[in-house]
Amino acid sequence: MKSNIVQERFTALDIFRGMTIVFMIIVNTPGNEATTFWPLLHAHWNGFTPTDLVFPSFLFAVGNALSFVSKKWATLPQRDVLWKIGKRTVLIFLAGYLMYWFPFFKLDGQLHLIAYPISQTRIMGVLQRIALCYGIVALLIYFFGQKKTVLLGVVSLFAYWMILLFFGTPGAEFTFTGNAGMHLDMWAFGANHLYHGEGFPFDPEGILSTLPALFNVIGGFVVGNYLQQKGKSYEALTKILLAGVALLFLAYCWNDFFPVNKKLWSSSYSVLTVGLDCIILSGIVYLTDIVGIKKGTNFFIITGKNPLFIYLLSEIGANVMWKIHIGAEPLYSWLFGNVFSFAGAYAGSLLFAVWWMLVCWFAGYLLDRKKIYIRL
């Protein structure tokens, strides 16, 4: 009976992960960012949109999966456990770094290929944050157990808040250019190794903001562990739901002092997103395992079984479309302008994103049919 419960839990987790990846691809690859519906855009700075839930939800899913994997560690020598954690951390980090560098060349003003120098590559990023958060939380769980790890997670939220207050630019501690995280990244990496999507060097997945992001993984671990211990009962799901509501209330109160901010990954933002994920995951478990609704879930299960591969495929494929030119226009924008824009600027942008998501989903479908699951 125990093995059946674990398998069912993984099904709910696959659905949650799959929903996250599907939405992540849609928000990351609009046909035209300038004509994108606002719920599919990140908040410019303070504030929150549905898109701002995507990345922390993936971290929550990482923690949820970790609660299952960690059960096997008790039967393994410490050296083997540390090797597994270290290898996975390095592989995911390296995959993220190479993804940003790929295809290792760029086009100059005359569309000539030139080598993309390593001196201009972005070091931190989405997969890099996933790797660091996974590695740190996995080590904390292994050496200190759940209770102490939760305590350290809470400490990290307040520590991050205090570091920004005491080491940021006075009066501008929570701004783009005045926050301590940006100063640390500039010192550690230099401007050429940071994200420039805001028009200046600022990395939303920088070193310092990894601290509050640990709480998202820890939250996922605690919920996964609790479900395994208590089972899929009304009582267990009600408590997770209430915990989510309580976290939303705390985030709302904290917002007055430390605003909800995805790009800064503020502590209130971390608490808010863990609360929302508790509510969403409890809802998925309720609908699939208690009510018994299975129809349509396989669409998300397919992406949930190969999440990192499908995410990498979506990003690399989009990058390739930007590098291939039809005349002087990148294939990416040519497809939007000549194929999808017939539906209108905004609807066409959404259709492009949905089309690309389905292309990536189909790759996952083919892998699932062959029982191929790529684990980093």
Protein backbone atom coordinates (compact mmCIF):
# COMPACT_ATOMS: atom_id res chain seq x y z
CA MET A 1 0.00 0.00 0.00
CA LYS A 2 2.85 2.36 0.80
CA SER A 3 4.40 2.02 -2.66
CA ASN A 4 1.05 2.82 -4.29
CA ILE A 5 0.74 6.04 -2.32
CA VAL A 6 4.23 7.14 -3.34
CA GLN A 7 3.42 6.47 -7.01
CA GLU A 8 0.20 8.47 -6.82
CA ARG A 9 2.00 11.33 -5.12
CA PHE A 10 4.49 11.42 -7.96
CA THR A 11 1.58 11.65 -10.40
CA ALA A 12 0.24 14.75 -8.62
CA LEU A 13 3.77 16.16 -8.58
CA ASP A 14 4.17 15.48 -12.32
CA ILE A 15 0.94 17.37 -12.98
CA PHE A 16 2.12 20.32 -10.87
CA ARG A 17 5.54 20.35 -12.55
CA GLY A 18 3.96 19.95 -15.98
CA MET A 19 1.61 22.89 -15.44
CA THR A 20 4.58 24.98 -14.34
CA ILE A 21 6.66 24.10 -17.43
CA VAL A 22 3.75 24.66 -19.83
CA PHE A 23 3.10 28.11 -18.40
CA MET A 24 6.83 28.86 -18.24
CA ILE A 25 7.27 28.24 -21.97
CA ILE A 26 4.20 30.35 -22.81
CA VAL A 27 5.42 33.36 -20.80
CA ASN A 28 9.04 33.02 -21.96
CA THR A 29 8.34 32.85 -25.71
CA PRO A 30 5.65 35.35 -26.76
CA GLY A 31 5.51 36.13 -30.45
CA ASN A 32 6.02 39.80 -29.65
CA GLU A 33 6.75 40.95 -26.12
CA ALA A 34 5.48 44.46 -26.84
CA THR A 35 1.99 43.07 -27.55
CA THR A 36 1.68 40.52 -24.75
CA PHE A 37 -1.35 40.31 -22.46
CA TRP A 38 -0.39 41.71 -19.04
CA PRO A 39 -0.95 38.47 -17.04
CA LEU A 40 1.83 36.92 -19.17
CA LEU A 41 4.33 39.62 -18.22
CA HIS A 42 6.37 39.95 -15.04
CA ALA A 43 5.67 42.89 -12.78
CA HIS A 44 8.09 45.67 -13.76
CA TRP A 45 9.32 45.98 -10.17
CA ASN A 46 7.11 45.87 -7.06
CA GLY A 47 3.86 43.98 -7.47
CA PHE A 48 2.75 40.56 -8.66
CA THR A 49 1.29 38.96 -11.81
CA PRO A 50 0.42 35.31 -12.56
CA THR A 51 3.70 35.05 -14.47
CA ASP A 52 5.62 35.83 -11.28
CA LEU A 53 4.42 32.52 -9.82
CA VAL A 54 6.05 30.32 -12.48
CA PHE A 55 9.69 30.18 -11.38
CA PRO A 56 9.09 29.84 -7.63
CA SER A 57 6.59 27.06 -8.41
CA PHE A 58 9.36 25.11 -10.13
CA LEU A 59 11.54 25.54 -7.03
CA PHE A 60 8.62 24.36 -4.91
CA ALA A 61 8.34 21.26 -7.14
CA VAL A 62 12.09 20.65 -6.72
CA GLY A 63 11.61 20.60 -2.95
CA ASN A 64 8.56 18.36 -3.29
CA ALA A 65 10.54 15.83 -5.34
CA LEU A 66 13.44 16.09 -2.88
CA SER A 67 11.15 14.84 -0.10
CA PHE A 68 10.81 11.55 -1.97
CA VAL A 69 14.45 11.19 -3.02
CA SER A 70 15.83 11.94 0.45
CA LYS A 71 14.14 8.80 1.82
CA LYS A 72 16.71 6.72 -0.05
CA TRP A 73 19.68 8.49 1.49
CA ALA A 74 19.46 6.59 4.79
CA THR A 75 20.52 3.37 3.04
CA LEU A 76 23.50 4.93 1.25
CA PRO A 77 27.03 5.78 2.46
CA GLN A 78 27.57 9.49 3.06
CA ARG A 79 30.09 9.65 0.23
CA ASP A 80 27.51 8.38 -2.27
CA VAL A 81 24.86 10.84 -1.08
CA LEU A 82 27.21 13.81 -1.34
CA TRP A 83 28.33 12.64 -4.77
CA LYS A 84 24.72 12.45 -6.01
CA ILE A 85 23.87 15.91 -4.63
CA GLY A 86 27.08 17.48 -5.91
CA LYS A 87 26.87 15.91 -9.36
CA ARG A 88 23.26 16.98 -9.90
CA THR A 89 24.00 20.51 -8.68
CA VAL A 90 26.96 20.91 -11.04
CA LEU A 91 25.16 19.39 -14.05
CA ILE A 92 22.10 21.63 -13.70
CA PHE A 93 24.26 24.73 -13.13
CA LEU A 94 26.45 23.88 -16.13
CA ALA A 95 23.40 23.23 -18.33
CA GLY A 96 22.06 26.68 -17.45
CA TYR A 97 25.38 28.38 -18.11
CA LEU A 98 25.88 26.68 -21.48
CA MET A 99 22.26 27.39 -22.43
CA TYR A 100 22.89 31.14 -22.17
CA TRP A 101 26.17 30.82 -24.06
CA PHE A 102 24.67 28.64 -26.82
CA PRO A 103 25.20 28.63 -29.80
CA PHE A 104 28.58 30.12 -28.86
CA PHE A 105 28.53 32.66 -31.69
CA LYS A 106 26.60 35.81 -32.54
CA LEU A 107 25.92 37.93 -35.59
CA ASP A 108 27.57 41.28 -36.17
CA GLY A 109 25.94 44.25 -37.89
CA GLN A 110 26.52 42.68 -41.32
CA LEU A 111 25.07 39.32 -40.17
CA HIS A 112 28.52 37.71 -40.12
CA LEU A 113 29.18 34.95 -37.61
CA ILE A 114 31.62 35.86 -34.87
CA ALA A 115 32.59 33.91 -31.76
CA TYR A 116 30.68 34.81 -28.61
CA PRO A 117 33.45 35.47 -26.06
CA ILE A 118 33.29 33.78 -22.67
CA SER A 119 34.05 37.18 -21.14
CA GLN A 120 30.49 38.28 -22.02
CA THR A 121 28.54 35.22 -20.90
CA ARG A 122 25.92 35.41 -18.16
CA ILE A 123 26.95 33.32 -15.16
CA MET A 124 23.78 33.17 -13.08
CA GLY A 125 20.29 32.37 -14.36
CA VAL A 126 17.18 30.22 -13.97
CA LEU A 127 18.77 26.77 -14.02
CA GLN A 128 21.73 28.05 -12.03
CA ARG A 129 19.35 29.18 -9.28
CA ILE A 130 17.56 25.83 -9.36
CA ALA A 131 20.93 24.08 -9.04
CA LEU A 132 22.13 26.19 -6.11
CA CYS A 133 18.83 26.00 -4.24
CA TYR A 134 18.59 22.24 -4.77
CA GLY A 135 22.19 21.65 -3.67
CA ILE A 136 22.02 23.85 -0.57
CA VAL A 137 18.64 22.57 0.64
CA ALA A 138 19.58 18.94 -0.06
CA LEU A 139 22.71 19.32 2.08
CA LEU A 140 20.75 21.07 4.85
CA ILE A 141 18.16 18.28 4.90
CA TYR A 142 20.82 15.57 4.89
CA PHE A 143 22.92 17.01 7.71
CA PHE A 144 20.34 18.84 9.85
CA GLY A 145 16.93 17.28 9.17
CA GLN A 146 13.65 19.00 8.40
CA LYS A 147 13.05 21.06 11.57
CA LYS A 148 16.44 22.76 11.57
CA THR A 149 16.26 23.29 7.81
CA VAL A 150 12.90 25.04 8.14
CA LEU A 151 14.36 27.24 10.86
CA LEU A 152 17.36 28.08 8.67
CA GLY A 153 14.96 28.86 5.82
CA VAL A 154 13.09 31.37 7.97
CA VAL A 155 16.41 32.86 9.12
CA SER A 156 17.45 33.25 5.46
CA LEU A 157 14.33 35.34 4.78
CA PHE A 158 15.10 37.78 7.59
CA ALA A 159 18.85 37.73 6.90
CA TYR A 160 18.23 38.75 3.29
CA TRP A 161 15.94 41.57 4.41
CA MET A 162 18.54 42.88 6.87
CA ILE A 163 21.41 42.61 4.37
CA LEU A 164 19.49 44.70 1.84
CA LEU A 165 18.64 47.29 4.49
CA PHE A 166 22.16 47.63 5.91
CA PHE A 167 24.27 47.23 2.77
CA GLY A 168 22.11 48.81 0.08
CA THR A 169 22.33 52.42 -1.05
CA PRO A 170 20.73 54.51 1.75
CA GLY A 171 17.21 55.46 0.77
CA ALA A 172 17.32 53.18 -2.30
CA GLU A 173 17.76 49.77 -0.67
CA PHE A 174 14.91 48.16 -2.63
CA THR A 175 15.54 49.75 -6.04
CA PHE A 176 17.04 48.37 -9.26
CA THR A 177 20.42 50.01 -8.88
CA GLY A 178 20.59 50.57 -5.12
CA ASN A 179 20.05 47.06 -3.76
CA ALA A 180 22.92 45.18 -2.15
CA GLY A 181 22.41 42.14 -4.36
CA MET A 182 23.21 44.14 -7.48
CA HIS A 183 26.33 45.58 -5.82
CA LEU A 184 27.51 42.07 -4.85
CA ASP A 185 26.97 40.68 -8.35
CA MET A 186 28.83 43.60 -9.93
CA TRP A 187 31.75 43.02 -7.56
CA ALA A 188 31.79 39.23 -7.99
CA PHE A 189 31.12 38.91 -11.73
CA GLY A 190 31.44 42.30 -13.39
CA ALA A 191 28.86 43.94 -15.65
CA ASN A 192 29.59 41.72 -18.69
CA HIS A 193 28.54 38.56 -16.83
CA LEU A 194 25.17 39.90 -15.67
CA TYR A 195 21.72 39.96 -17.27
CA HIS A 196 21.14 43.07 -19.41
CA GLY A 197 17.45 42.61 -20.22
CA GLU A 198 16.49 45.64 -18.12
CA GLY A 199 18.74 47.88 -20.19
CA PHE A 200 21.56 47.84 -17.65
CA PRO A 201 23.48 45.13 -15.74
CA PHE A 202 21.17 43.61 -13.13
CA ASP A 203 20.65 39.91 -12.52
CA PRO A 204 17.28 38.82 -11.05
CA GLU A 205 18.89 35.44 -10.29
CA GLY A 206 21.94 36.88 -8.57
CA ILE A 207 23.98 35.54 -5.66
CA LEU A 208 22.29 37.27 -2.74
CA SER A 209 18.68 36.67 -3.77
CA THR A 210 19.39 32.93 -3.69
CA LEU A 211 18.91 33.21 0.10
CA PRO A 212 15.13 33.80 0.11
CA ALA A 213 14.67 31.41 -2.83
CA LEU A 214 15.82 28.59 -0.55
CA PHE A 215 12.52 28.99 1.31
CA ASN A 216 10.59 27.99 -1.84
CA VAL A 217 12.44 24.67 -2.06
CA ILE A 218 12.13 24.10 1.68
CA GLY A 219 8.38 24.79 1.50
CA GLY A 220 8.00 22.20 -1.25
CA PHE A 221 9.99 19.68 0.77
CA VAL A 222 7.86 20.16 3.89
CA VAL A 223 4.59 19.78 1.96
CA GLY A 224 5.81 16.67 0.14
CA ASN A 225 7.03 15.11 3.36
CA TYR A 226 3.76 15.91 5.13
CA LEU A 227 1.69 14.30 2.38
CA GLN A 228 3.76 11.14 2.60
CA GLN A 229 3.31 10.95 6.36
CA LYS A 230 -0.40 11.85 6.59
CA GLY A 231 -1.71 10.48 3.31
CA LYS A 232 -4.19 12.05 0.93
CA SER A 233 -6.90 12.69 3.47
CA TYR A 234 -9.26 15.65 3.77
CA GLU A 235 -7.53 16.58 7.02
CA ALA A 236 -4.06 16.64 5.48
CA LEU A 237 -5.14 18.70 2.47
CA THR A 238 -7.11 21.09 4.67
CA LYS A 239 -4.04 21.76 6.80
CA ILE A 240 -1.91 22.42 3.72
CA LEU A 241 -4.60 24.73 2.39
CA LEU A 242 -4.79 26.61 5.69
CA ALA A 243 -1.00 26.86 5.82
CA GLY A 244 -1.11 28.41 2.34
CA VAL A 245 -3.71 30.95 3.42
CA ALA A 246 -1.67 31.81 6.53
CA LEU A 247 1.42 32.39 4.38
CA LEU A 248 -0.56 34.67 2.07
CA PHE A 249 -1.65 36.72 5.08
CA LEU A 250 1.95 36.97 6.35
CA ALA A 251 3.16 38.03 2.90
CA TYR A 252 0.42 40.67 2.71
CA CYS A 253 1.51 42.09 6.08
CA TRP A 254 5.22 41.96 5.19
CA ASN A 255 4.58 43.69 1.87
CA ASP A 256 4.20 47.04 3.68
CA PHE A 257 7.80 46.81 4.92
CA PHE A 258 9.47 44.68 2.25
CA PRO A 259 7.40 44.85 -0.97
CA VAL A 260 6.55 41.75 -2.99
CA ASN A 261 9.08 41.83 -5.82
CA LYS A 262 10.03 38.96 -8.13
CA LYS A 263 13.13 40.56 -9.65
CA LEU A 264 14.50 41.32 -6.19
CA TRP A 265 13.05 37.99 -4.95
CA SER A 266 11.97 39.74 -1.78
CA SER A 267 11.26 37.67 1.31
CA SER A 268 7.58 38.63 1.16
CA TYR A 269 7.52 37.38 -2.44
CA SER A 270 8.98 34.04 -1.37
CA VAL A 271 6.39 33.64 1.40
CA LEU A 272 3.57 34.66 -0.97
CA THR A 273 4.54 32.14 -3.66
CA VAL A 274 4.99 29.26 -1.22
CA GLY A 275 1.51 30.03 0.10
CA LEU A 276 0.01 30.02 -3.40
CA ASP A 277 1.79 26.78 -4.29
CA CYS A 278 0.46 25.10 -1.15
CA ILE A 279 -3.06 26.02 -2.24
CA ILE A 280 -2.53 24.92 -5.85
CA LEU A 281 -0.86 21.59 -5.02
CA SER A 282 -3.48 20.71 -2.42
CA GLY A 283 -6.12 21.46 -5.07
CA ILE A 284 -4.42 19.16 -7.58
CA VAL A 285 -4.16 16.31 -5.07
CA TYR A 286 -7.81 16.81 -4.09
CA LEU A 287 -9.10 16.77 -7.66
CA THR A 288 -6.96 13.89 -8.92
CA ASP A 289 -6.63 11.59 -5.89
CA ILE A 290 -9.82 12.23 -3.91
CA VAL A 291 -12.40 13.32 -6.50
CA GLY A 292 -10.73 11.08 -9.08
CA ILE A 293 -10.56 13.49 -12.02
CA LYS A 294 -7.96 12.10 -14.41
CA LYS A 295 -9.18 13.32 -17.79
CA GLY A 296 -6.79 15.79 -19.36
CA THR A 297 -4.10 15.37 -16.72
CA ASN A 298 -1.86 13.30 -19.00
CA PHE A 299 -1.08 16.44 -21.01
CA PHE A 300 0.68 17.91 -17.97
CA ILE A 301 2.10 14.59 -16.76
CA ILE A 302 4.07 14.27 -20.00
CA THR A 303 5.85 17.60 -19.47
CA GLY A 304 6.21 16.89 -15.75
CA LYS A 305 8.22 13.73 -16.43
CA ASN A 306 10.92 15.54 -18.43
CA PRO A 307 10.70 19.10 -17.08
CA LEU A 308 14.31 20.24 -17.32
CA PHE A 309 14.80 18.75 -20.79
CA ILE A 310 11.63 20.38 -22.15
CA TYR A 311 12.58 23.72 -20.59
CA LEU A 312 16.07 23.52 -22.13
CA LEU A 313 14.56 22.59 -25.50
CA SER A 314 12.20 25.56 -25.39
CA GLU A 315 14.97 28.04 -24.60
CA ILE A 316 17.56 26.63 -27.01
CA GLY A 317 15.01 26.26 -29.81
CA ALA A 318 13.86 29.85 -29.39
CA ASN A 319 17.49 30.98 -29.42
CA VAL A 320 18.07 29.10 -32.69
CA MET A 321 15.02 30.78 -34.26
CA TRP A 322 16.52 34.16 -33.38
CA LYS A 323 19.84 33.19 -35.03
CA ILE A 324 18.34 31.86 -38.29
CA HIS A 325 17.48 34.71 -40.67
CA ILE A 326 15.03 34.94 -43.53
CA GLY A 327 16.50 37.84 -45.41
CA ALA A 328 17.39 40.39 -42.75
CA GLU A 329 14.71 39.23 -40.32
CA PRO A 330 15.15 36.55 -37.62
CA LEU A 331 12.98 33.47 -38.15
CA TYR A 332 11.37 34.05 -34.73
CA SER A 333 9.96 37.47 -35.62
CA TRP A 334 9.30 36.40 -39.23
CA LEU A 335 7.02 33.59 -38.02
CA PHE A 336 5.11 35.99 -35.82
CA GLY A 337 4.75 38.65 -38.50
CA ASN A 338 3.88 36.32 -41.38
CA VAL A 339 2.02 33.46 -39.72
CA PHE A 340 0.58 34.32 -36.31
CA SER A 341 -0.09 38.06 -36.50
CA PHE A 342 -3.20 37.37 -38.63
CA ALA A 343 -5.02 36.86 -35.33
CA GLY A 344 -4.08 40.34 -34.18
CA ALA A 345 -1.08 41.72 -32.31
CA TYR A 346 -1.99 40.41 -28.86
CA ALA A 347 -3.82 37.20 -29.78
CA GLY A 348 -1.14 36.42 -32.37
CA SER A 349 1.60 36.80 -29.78
CA LEU A 350 -0.24 34.36 -27.50
CA LEU A 351 -0.86 31.89 -30.34
CA PHE A 352 2.85 31.89 -31.16
CA ALA A 353 3.69 31.09 -27.53
CA VAL A 354 1.09 28.32 -27.38
CA TRP A 355 2.35 26.89 -30.69
CA TRP A 356 5.92 26.76 -29.43
CA MET A 357 4.80 25.20 -26.15
CA LEU A 358 2.98 22.47 -28.11
CA VAL A 359 6.08 21.81 -30.23
CA CYS A 360 8.12 21.29 -27.06
CA TRP A 361 5.30 19.23 -25.52
CA PHE A 362 5.32 16.94 -28.55
CA ALA A 363 9.03 16.29 -28.04
CA GLY A 364 8.20 15.31 -24.47
CA TYR A 365 5.38 13.10 -25.75
CA LEU A 366 7.78 11.21 -28.04
CA LEU A 367 10.20 10.69 -25.16
CA ASP A 368 7.39 9.47 -22.90
CA ARG A 369 6.22 6.95 -25.50
CA LYS A 370 9.73 5.50 -25.58
CA LYS A 371 9.93 5.61 -21.77
CA ILE A 372 12.92 7.96 -21.94
CA TYR A 373 13.20 10.28 -18.92
CA ILE A 374 16.20 12.56 -18.92
CA ARG A 375 17.49 13.31 -15.43
CA LEU A 376 20.25 15.81 -14.77
